[in-house]
Amino acid sequence: MRKLTKEILAQMIAEEKVKLNEERSLEKVAAQVPEVDASQFGGHLVHKIDYIKALKIKEAKLQRSLERIQEESARVKKVLMEEL
């Protein structure tokens, strides 16, 4: 057991004050945020999912294009090596 001194008691009180101030500030912030029905976010998520799908399609096209470029580059290097 520790002896309860003035310094320890003052420190404990200061810590509790900080905790109370944090709780109050969180309550103030929560009071300012409007409540929104979850169904309103559904459409937003659908748009993001559609966007991701579109990006994947675009990525696949770019990947095929990159493969063609790499094949052409390899072919040109092979021809160049044969000519030397």
PDB file of N, CA and C in Angstrom:
ATOM      1  N   MET A   1       0.833  -1.174   0.000  1.00  0.00           N
ATOM      2  CA  MET A   1       0.000   0.000   0.000  1.00  0.00           C
ATOM      3  C   MET A   1       0.884   1.246   0.000  1.00  0.00           C
ATOM      4  N   ARG A   2       0.370   2.257  -0.687  1.00  0.00           N
ATOM      5  CA  ARG A   2       1.077   3.539  -0.708  1.00  0.00           C
ATOM      6  C   ARG A   2       0.395   4.499   0.239  1.00  0.00           C
ATOM      7  N   LYS A   3       1.205   5.382   0.721  1.00  0.00           N
ATOM      8  CA  LYS A   3       0.678   6.421   1.594  1.00  0.00           C
ATOM      9  C   LYS A   3       0.088   7.530   0.730  1.00  0.00           C
ATOM     10  N   LEU A   4      -1.092   7.964   1.076  1.00  0.00           N
ATOM     11  CA  LEU A   4      -1.774   9.005   0.313  1.00  0.00           C
ATOM     12  C   LEU A   4      -1.273  10.377   0.783  1.00  0.00           C
ATOM     13  N   THR A   5      -0.451  10.981  -0.078  1.00  0.00           N
ATOM     14  CA  THR A   5       0.100  12.288   0.263  1.00  0.00           C
ATOM     15  C   THR A   5      -0.654  13.376  -0.485  1.00  0.00           C
ATOM     16  N   LYS A   6      -0.354  14.623  -0.151  1.00  0.00           N
ATOM     17  CA  LYS A   6      -0.996  15.753  -0.832  1.00  0.00           C
ATOM     18  C   LYS A   6      -0.669  15.747  -2.319  1.00  0.00           C
ATOM     19  N   GLU A   7       0.579  15.403  -2.646  1.00  0.00           N
ATOM     20  CA  GLU A   7       1.015  15.405  -4.047  1.00  0.00           C
ATOM     21  C   GLU A   7       0.291  14.325  -4.851  1.00  0.00           C
ATOM     22  N   ILE A   8       0.197  13.141  -4.259  1.00  0.00           N
ATOM     23  CA  ILE A   8      -0.489  12.040  -4.955  1.00  0.00           C
ATOM     24  C   ILE A   8      -1.966  12.373  -5.135  1.00  0.00           C
ATOM     25  N   LEU A   9      -2.577  12.918  -4.114  1.00  0.00           N
ATOM     26  CA  LEU A   9      -3.988  13.297  -4.186  1.00  0.00           C
ATOM     27  C   LEU A   9      -4.197  14.381  -5.247  1.00  0.00           C
ATOM     28  N   ALA A  10      -3.307  15.373  -5.293  1.00  0.00           N
ATOM     29  CA  ALA A  10      -3.419  16.438  -6.293  1.00  0.00           C
ATOM     30  C   ALA A  10      -3.264  15.873  -7.702  1.00  0.00           C
ATOM     31  N   GLN A  11      -2.351  14.920  -7.857  1.00  0.00           N
ATOM     32  CA  GLN A  11      -2.149  14.296  -9.175  1.00  0.00           C
ATOM     33  C   GLN A  11      -3.392  13.519  -9.595  1.00  0.00           C
ATOM     34  N   MET A  12      -3.982  12.782  -8.658  1.00  0.00           N
ATOM     35  CA  MET A  12      -5.187  12.015  -8.972  1.00  0.00           C
ATOM     36  C   MET A  12      -6.331  12.943  -9.388  1.00  0.00           C
ATOM     37  N   ILE A  13      -6.467  14.055  -8.688  1.00  0.00           N
ATOM     38  CA  ILE A  13      -7.523  15.015  -9.013  1.00  0.00           C
ATOM     39  C   ILE A  13      -7.285  15.616 -10.390  1.00  0.00           C
ATOM     40  N   ALA A  14      -6.047  15.950 -10.692  1.00  0.00           N
ATOM     41  CA  ALA A  14      -5.718  16.522 -12.001  1.00  0.00           C
ATOM     42  C   ALA A  14      -6.036  15.533 -13.118  1.00  0.00           C
ATOM     43  N   GLU A  15      -5.711  14.251 -12.905  1.00  0.00           N
ATOM     44  CA  GLU A  15      -6.013  13.223 -13.911  1.00  0.00           C
ATOM     45  C   GLU A  15      -7.514  13.097 -14.129  1.00  0.00           C
ATOM     46  N   GLU A  16      -8.279  13.130 -13.062  1.00  0.00           N
ATOM     47  CA  GLU A  16      -9.728  13.028 -13.189  1.00  0.00           C
ATOM     48  C   GLU A  16     -10.312  14.240 -13.913  1.00  0.00           C
ATOM     49  N   LYS A  17      -9.753  15.421 -13.670  1.00  0.00           N
ATOM     50  CA  LYS A  17     -10.210  16.623 -14.374  1.00  0.00           C
ATOM     51  C   LYS A  17     -10.005  16.471 -15.876  1.00  0.00           C
ATOM     52  N   VAL A  18      -8.836  15.955 -16.250  1.00  0.00           N
ATOM     53  CA  VAL A  18      -8.532  15.761 -17.672  1.00  0.00           C
ATOM     54  C   VAL A  18      -9.530  14.785 -18.281  1.00  0.00           C
ATOM     55  N   LYS A  19      -9.808  13.688 -17.575  1.00  0.00           N
ATOM     56  CA  LYS A  19     -10.758  12.694 -18.085  1.00  0.00           C
ATOM     57  C   LYS A  19     -12.149  13.310 -18.269  1.00  0.00           C
ATOM     58  N   LEU A  20     -12.593  14.093 -17.284  1.00  0.00           N
ATOM     59  CA  LEU A  20     -13.905  14.724 -17.375  1.00  0.00           C
ATOM     60  C   LEU A  20     -13.970  15.714 -18.537  1.00  0.00           C
ATOM     61  N   ASN A  21     -12.914  16.486 -18.733  1.00  0.00           N
ATOM     62  CA  ASN A  21     -12.882  17.442 -19.845  1.00  0.00           C
ATOM     63  C   ASN A  21     -12.934  16.714 -21.187  1.00  0.00           C
ATOM     64  N   GLU A  22     -12.237  15.594 -21.289  1.00  0.00           N
ATOM     65  CA  GLU A  22     -12.266  14.814 -22.527  1.00  0.00           C
ATOM     66  C   GLU A  22     -13.666  14.287 -22.787  1.00  0.00           C
ATOM     67  N   GLU A  23     -14.312  13.773 -21.753  1.00  0.00           N
ATOM     68  CA  GLU A  23     -15.671  13.252 -21.913  1.00  0.00           C
ATOM     69  C   GLU A  23     -16.630  14.353 -22.344  1.00  0.00           C
ATOM     70  N   ARG A  24     -16.505  15.522 -21.740  1.00  0.00           N
ATOM     71  CA  ARG A  24     -17.381  16.639 -22.100  1.00  0.00           C
ATOM     72  C   ARG A  24     -17.164  17.079 -23.536  1.00  0.00           C
ATOM     73  N   SER A  25     -15.888  17.117 -23.944  1.00  0.00           N
ATOM     74  CA  SER A  25     -15.614  17.547 -25.318  1.00  0.00           C
ATOM     75  C   SER A  25     -16.146  16.519 -26.308  1.00  0.00           C
ATOM     76  N   LEU A  26     -16.056  15.235 -25.968  1.00  0.00           N
ATOM     77  CA  LEU A  26     -16.614  14.201 -26.840  1.00  0.00           C
ATOM     78  C   LEU A  26     -18.132  14.314 -26.929  1.00  0.00           C
ATOM     79  N   GLU A  27     -18.764  14.624 -25.808  1.00  0.00           N
ATOM     80  CA  GLU A  27     -20.217  14.787 -25.811  1.00  0.00           C
ATOM     81  C   GLU A  27     -20.628  15.978 -26.672  1.00  0.00           C
ATOM     82  N   LYS A  28     -19.849  17.066 -26.603  1.00  0.00           N
ATOM     83  CA  LYS A  28     -20.145  18.240 -27.426  1.00  0.00           C
ATOM     84  C   LYS A  28     -20.032  17.910 -28.900  1.00  0.00           C
ATOM     85  N   VAL A  29     -18.988  17.186 -29.253  1.00  0.00           N
ATOM     86  CA  VAL A  29     -18.794  16.816 -30.657  1.00  0.00           C
ATOM     87  C   VAL A  29     -19.919  15.904 -31.114  1.00  0.00           C
ATOM     88  N   ALA A  30     -20.274  14.938 -30.278  1.00  0.00           N
ATOM     89  CA  ALA A  30     -21.357  14.014 -30.624  1.00  0.00           C
ATOM     90  C   ALA A  30     -22.677  14.754 -30.794  1.00  0.00           C
ATOM     91  N   ALA A  31     -22.891  15.784 -30.011  1.00  0.00           N
ATOM     92  CA  ALA A  31     -24.134  16.551 -30.113  1.00  0.00           C
ATOM     93  C   ALA A  31     -24.191  17.352 -31.414  1.00  0.00           C
ATOM     94  N   GLN A  32     -23.032  17.724 -31.957  1.00  0.00           N
ATOM     95  CA  GLN A  32     -22.990  18.522 -33.183  1.00  0.00           C
ATOM     96  C   GLN A  32     -23.166  17.674 -34.437  1.00  0.00           C
ATOM     97  N   VAL A  33     -22.870  16.386 -34.353  1.00  0.00           N
ATOM     98  CA  VAL A  33     -22.959  15.510 -35.517  1.00  0.00           C
ATOM     99  C   VAL A  33     -24.415  15.079 -35.700  1.00  0.00           C
ATOM    100  N   PRO A  34     -24.976  15.337 -36.869  1.00  0.00           N
ATOM    101  CA  PRO A  34     -26.370  14.942 -37.083  1.00  0.00           C
ATOM    102  C   PRO A  34     -26.491  13.431 -37.254  1.00  0.00           C
ATOM    103  N   GLU A  35     -27.604  12.892 -36.747  1.00  0.00           N
ATOM    104  CA  GLU A  35     -27.854  11.470 -36.919  1.00  0.00           C
ATOM    105  C   GLU A  35     -28.377  11.222 -38.318  1.00  0.00           C
ATOM    106  N   VAL A  36     -27.863  10.155 -38.933  1.00  0.00           N
ATOM    107  CA  VAL A  36     -28.249   9.821 -40.297  1.00  0.00           C
ATOM    108  C   VAL A  36     -28.672   8.363 -40.326  1.00  0.00           C
ATOM    109  N   ASP A  37     -29.734   8.094 -41.056  1.00  0.00           N
ATOM    110  CA  ASP A  37     -30.208   6.730 -41.198  1.00  0.00           C
ATOM    111  C   ASP A  37     -29.199   5.929 -42.013  1.00  0.00           C
ATOM    112  N   ALA A  38     -28.947   4.697 -41.620  1.00  0.00           N
ATOM    113  CA  ALA A  38     -27.945   3.863 -42.288  1.00  0.00           C
ATOM    114  C   ALA A  38     -28.306   3.583 -43.745  1.00  0.00           C
ATOM    115  N   SER A  39     -29.579   3.603 -44.078  1.00  0.00           N
ATOM    116  CA  SER A  39     -29.988   3.312 -45.451  1.00  0.00           C
ATOM    117  C   SER A  39     -29.480   4.372 -46.431  1.00  0.00           C
ATOM    118  N   GLN A  40     -29.177   5.561 -45.936  1.00  0.00           N
ATOM    119  CA  GLN A  40     -28.683   6.620 -46.813  1.00  0.00           C
ATOM    120  C   GLN A  40     -27.262   6.343 -47.277  1.00  0.00           C
ATOM    121  N   PHE A  41     -26.518   5.535 -46.534  1.00  0.00           N
ATOM    122  CA  PHE A  41     -25.147   5.236 -46.908  1.00  0.00           C
ATOM    123  C   PHE A  41     -25.054   4.094 -47.916  1.00  0.00           C
ATOM    124  N   GLY A  42     -26.109   3.343 -48.076  1.00  0.00           N
ATOM    125  CA  GLY A  42     -26.101   2.209 -48.991  1.00  0.00           C
ATOM    126  C   GLY A  42     -25.760   2.611 -50.416  1.00  0.00           C
ATOM    127  N   GLY A  43     -26.404   3.646 -50.909  1.00  0.00           N
ATOM    128  CA  GLY A  43     -26.139   4.109 -52.267  1.00  0.00           C
ATOM    129  C   GLY A  43     -24.716   4.598 -52.428  1.00  0.00           C
ATOM    130  N   HIS A  44     -24.215   5.238 -51.419  1.00  0.00           N
ATOM    131  CA  HIS A  44     -22.845   5.749 -51.444  1.00  0.00           C
ATOM    132  C   HIS A  44     -21.853   4.593 -51.580  1.00  0.00           C
ATOM    133  N   LEU A  45     -22.088   3.522 -50.823  1.00  0.00           N
ATOM    134  CA  LEU A  45     -21.208   2.351 -50.897  1.00  0.00           C
ATOM    135  C   LEU A  45     -21.301   1.679 -52.254  1.00  0.00           C
ATOM    136  N   VAL A  46     -22.499   1.636 -52.819  1.00  0.00           N
ATOM    137  CA  VAL A  46     -22.681   1.021 -54.129  1.00  0.00           C
ATOM    138  C   VAL A  46     -21.874   1.778 -55.177  1.00  0.00           C
ATOM    139  N   HIS A  47     -21.878   3.097 -55.101  1.00  0.00           N
ATOM    140  CA  HIS A  47     -21.116   3.902 -56.056  1.00  0.00           C
ATOM    141  C   HIS A  47     -19.627   3.626 -55.927  1.00  0.00           C
ATOM    142  N   LYS A  48     -19.149   3.493 -54.696  1.00  0.00           N
ATOM    143  CA  LYS A  48     -17.733   3.208 -54.490  1.00  0.00           C
ATOM    144  C   LYS A  48     -17.367   1.824 -55.017  1.00  0.00           C
ATOM    145  N   ILE A  49     -18.232   0.863 -54.792  1.00  0.00           N
ATOM    146  CA  ILE A  49     -17.981  -0.496 -55.286  1.00  0.00           C
ATOM    147  C   ILE A  49     -17.970  -0.504 -56.811  1.00  0.00           C
ATOM    148  N   ASP A  50     -18.907   0.202 -57.419  1.00  0.00           N
ATOM    149  CA  ASP A  50     -18.924   0.297 -58.882  1.00  0.00           C
ATOM    150  C   ASP A  50     -17.651   0.960 -59.404  1.00  0.00           C
ATOM    151  N   TYR A  51     -17.186   1.966 -58.715  1.00  0.00           N
ATOM    152  CA  TYR A  51     -15.967   2.660 -59.115  1.00  0.00           C
ATOM    153  C   TYR A  51     -14.765   1.726 -59.034  1.00  0.00           C
ATOM    154  N   ILE A  52     -14.712   0.914 -57.978  1.00  0.00           N
ATOM    155  CA  ILE A  52     -13.620  -0.054 -57.835  1.00  0.00           C
ATOM    156  C   ILE A  52     -13.668  -1.063 -58.971  1.00  0.00           C
ATOM    157  N   LYS A  53     -14.860  -1.533 -59.318  1.00  0.00           N
ATOM    158  CA  LYS A  53     -14.992  -2.479 -60.428  1.00  0.00           C
ATOM    159  C   LYS A  53     -14.514  -1.856 -61.726  1.00  0.00           C
ATOM    160  N   ALA A  54     -14.880  -0.599 -61.960  1.00  0.00           N
ATOM    161  CA  ALA A  54     -14.444   0.088 -63.177  1.00  0.00           C
ATOM    162  C   ALA A  54     -12.928   0.228 -63.195  1.00  0.00           C
ATOM    163  N   LEU A  55     -12.358   0.517 -62.045  1.00  0.00           N
ATOM    164  CA  LEU A  55     -10.895   0.628 -61.974  1.00  0.00           C
ATOM    165  C   LEU A  55     -10.221  -0.708 -62.254  1.00  0.00           C
ATOM    166  N   LYS A  56     -10.817  -1.793 -61.781  1.00  0.00           N
ATOM    167  CA  LYS A  56     -10.248  -3.120 -62.048  1.00  0.00           C
ATOM    168  C   LYS A  56     -10.291  -3.435 -63.533  1.00  0.00           C
ATOM    169  N   ILE A  57     -11.400  -3.062 -64.191  1.00  0.00           N
ATOM    170  CA  ILE A  57     -11.507  -3.285 -65.641  1.00  0.00           C
ATOM    171  C   ILE A  57     -10.443  -2.477 -66.358  1.00  0.00           C
ATOM    172  N   LYS A  58     -10.275  -1.224 -65.972  1.00  0.00           N
ATOM    173  CA  LYS A  58      -9.259  -0.371 -66.580  1.00  0.00           C
ATOM    174  C   LYS A  58      -7.863  -0.929 -66.318  1.00  0.00           C
ATOM    175  N   GLU A  59      -7.643  -1.437 -65.108  1.00  0.00           N
ATOM    176  CA  GLU A  59      -6.348  -2.019 -64.766  1.00  0.00           C
ATOM    177  C   GLU A  59      -6.062  -3.242 -65.639  1.00  0.00           C
ATOM    178  N   ALA A  60      -7.077  -4.064 -65.877  1.00  0.00           N
ATOM    179  CA  ALA A  60      -6.897  -5.252 -66.715  1.00  0.00           C
ATOM    180  C   ALA A  60      -6.531  -4.850 -68.138  1.00  0.00           C
ATOM    181  N   LYS A  61      -7.185  -3.804 -68.669  1.00  0.00           N
ATOM    182  CA  LYS A  61      -6.868  -3.338 -70.013  1.00  0.00           C
ATOM    183  C   LYS A  61      -5.434  -2.819 -70.077  1.00  0.00           C
ATOM    184  N   LEU A  62      -5.044  -2.050 -69.079  1.00  0.00           N
ATOM    185  CA  LEU A  62      -3.679  -1.529 -69.053  1.00  0.00           C
ATOM    186  C   LEU A  62      -2.651  -2.656 -68.903  1.00  0.00           C
ATOM    187  N   GLN A  63      -3.013  -3.676 -68.146  1.00  0.00           N
ATOM    188  CA  GLN A  63      -2.119  -4.828 -67.976  1.00  0.00           C
ATOM    189  C   GLN A  63      -1.915  -5.546 -69.303  1.00  0.00           C
ATOM    190  N   ARG A  64      -2.999  -5.728 -70.070  1.00  0.00           N
ATOM    191  CA  ARG A  64      -2.867  -6.368 -71.395  1.00  0.00           C
ATOM    192  C   ARG A  64      -2.014  -5.511 -72.314  1.00  0.00           C
ATOM    193  N   SER A  65      -2.227  -4.213 -72.253  1.00  0.00           N
ATOM    194  CA  SER A  65      -1.438  -3.303 -73.070  1.00  0.00           C
ATOM    195  C   SER A  65       0.035  -3.381 -72.689  1.00  0.00           C
ATOM    196  N   LEU A  66       0.327  -3.430 -71.414  1.00  0.00           N
ATOM    197  CA  LEU A  66       1.701  -3.548 -70.948  1.00  0.00           C
ATOM    198  C   LEU A  66       2.325  -4.855 -71.415  1.00  0.00           C
ATOM    199  N   GLU A  67       1.570  -5.926 -71.365  1.00  0.00           N
ATOM    200  CA  GLU A  67       2.091  -7.216 -71.831  1.00  0.00           C
ATOM    201  C   GLU A  67       2.440  -7.157 -73.310  1.00  0.00           C
ATOM    202  N   ARG A  68       1.573  -6.513 -74.117  1.00  0.00           N
ATOM    203  CA  ARG A  68       1.868  -6.380 -75.554  1.00  0.00           C
ATOM    204  C   ARG A  68       3.140  -5.563 -75.774  1.00  0.00           C
ATOM    205  N   ILE A  69       3.283  -4.502 -75.016  1.00  0.00           N
ATOM    206  CA  ILE A  69       4.481  -3.656 -75.138  1.00  0.00           C
ATOM    207  C   ILE A  69       5.725  -4.440 -74.742  1.00  0.00           C
ATOM    208  N   GLN A  70       5.637  -5.220 -73.679  1.00  0.00           N
ATOM    209  CA  GLN A  70       6.779  -6.013 -73.245  1.00  0.00           C
ATOM    210  C   GLN A  70       7.141  -7.082 -74.276  1.00  0.00           C
ATOM    211  N   GLU A  71       6.106  -7.704 -74.883  1.00  0.00           N
ATOM    212  CA  GLU A  71       6.359  -8.701 -75.924  1.00  0.00           C
ATOM    213  C   GLU A  71       7.050  -8.060 -77.124  1.00  0.00           C
ATOM    214  N   GLU A  72       6.554  -6.903 -77.523  1.00  0.00           N
ATOM    215  CA  GLU A  72       7.144  -6.194 -78.660  1.00  0.00           C
ATOM    216  C   GLU A  72       8.585  -5.790 -78.351  1.00  0.00           C
ATOM    217  N   SER A  73       8.821  -5.325 -77.144  1.00  0.00           N
ATOM    218  CA  SER A  73      10.167  -4.939 -76.730  1.00  0.00           C
ATOM    219  C   SER A  73      11.099  -6.137 -76.764  1.00  0.00           C
ATOM    220  N   ALA A  74      10.639  -7.282 -76.280  1.00  0.00           N
ATOM    221  CA  ALA A  74      11.455  -8.496 -76.303  1.00  0.00           C
ATOM    222  C   ALA A  74      11.738  -8.914 -77.732  1.00  0.00           C
ATOM    223  N   ARG A  75      10.734  -8.784 -78.612  1.00  0.00           N
ATOM    224  CA  ARG A  75      10.927  -9.162 -80.015  1.00  0.00           C
ATOM    225  C   ARG A  75      11.963  -8.259 -80.675  1.00  0.00           C
ATOM    226  N   VAL A  76      11.872  -6.959 -80.407  1.00  0.00           N
ATOM    227  CA  VAL A  76      12.823  -6.018 -80.996  1.00  0.00           C
ATOM    228  C   VAL A  76      14.238  -6.298 -80.478  1.00  0.00           C
ATOM    229  N   LYS A  77      14.387  -6.588 -79.210  1.00  0.00           N
ATOM    230  CA  LYS A  77      15.696  -6.910 -78.644  1.00  0.00           C
ATOM    231  C   LYS A  77      16.275  -8.170 -79.286  1.00  0.00           C
ATOM    232  N   LYS A  78      15.395  -9.157 -79.504  1.00  0.00           N
ATOM    233  CA  LYS A  78      15.842 -10.410 -80.104  1.00  0.00           C
ATOM    234  C   LYS A  78      16.340 -10.148 -81.526  1.00  0.00           C
ATOM    235  N   VAL A  79      15.582  -9.367 -82.300  1.00  0.00           N
ATOM    236  CA  VAL A  79      15.978  -9.039 -83.667  1.00  0.00           C
ATOM    237  C   VAL A  79      17.293  -8.259 -83.658  1.00  0.00           C
ATOM    238  N   LEU A  80      17.413  -7.341 -82.734  1.00  0.00           N
ATOM    239  CA  LEU A  80      18.622  -6.522 -82.631  1.00  0.00           C
ATOM    240  C   LEU A  80      19.832  -7.396 -82.299  1.00  0.00           C
ATOM    241  N   MET A  81      19.676  -8.340 -81.404  1.00  0.00           N
ATOM    242  CA  MET A  81      20.775  -9.235 -81.017  1.00  0.00           C
ATOM    243  C   MET A  81      21.186 -10.122 -82.195  1.00  0.00           C
ATOM    244  N   GLU A  82      20.211 -10.545 -82.994  1.00  0.00           N
ATOM    245  CA  GLU A  82      20.516 -11.392 -84.152  1.00  0.00           C
ATOM    246  C   GLU A  82      21.293 -10.608 -85.212  1.00  0.00           C
ATOM    247  N   GLU A  83      20.985  -9.311 -85.359  1.00  0.00           N
ATOM    248  CA  GLU A  83      21.652  -8.480 -86.347  1.00  0.00           C
ATOM    249  C   GLU A  83      23.093  -8.171 -85.944  1.00  0.00           C
ATOM    250  N   LEU A  84      23.386  -8.183 -84.668  1.00  0.00           N
ATOM    251  CA  LEU A  84      24.737  -7.894 -84.211  1.00  0.00           C
ATOM    252  C   LEU A  84      25.541  -9.125 -84.366  1.00  0.00           C
TER     253      LEU A  84
END
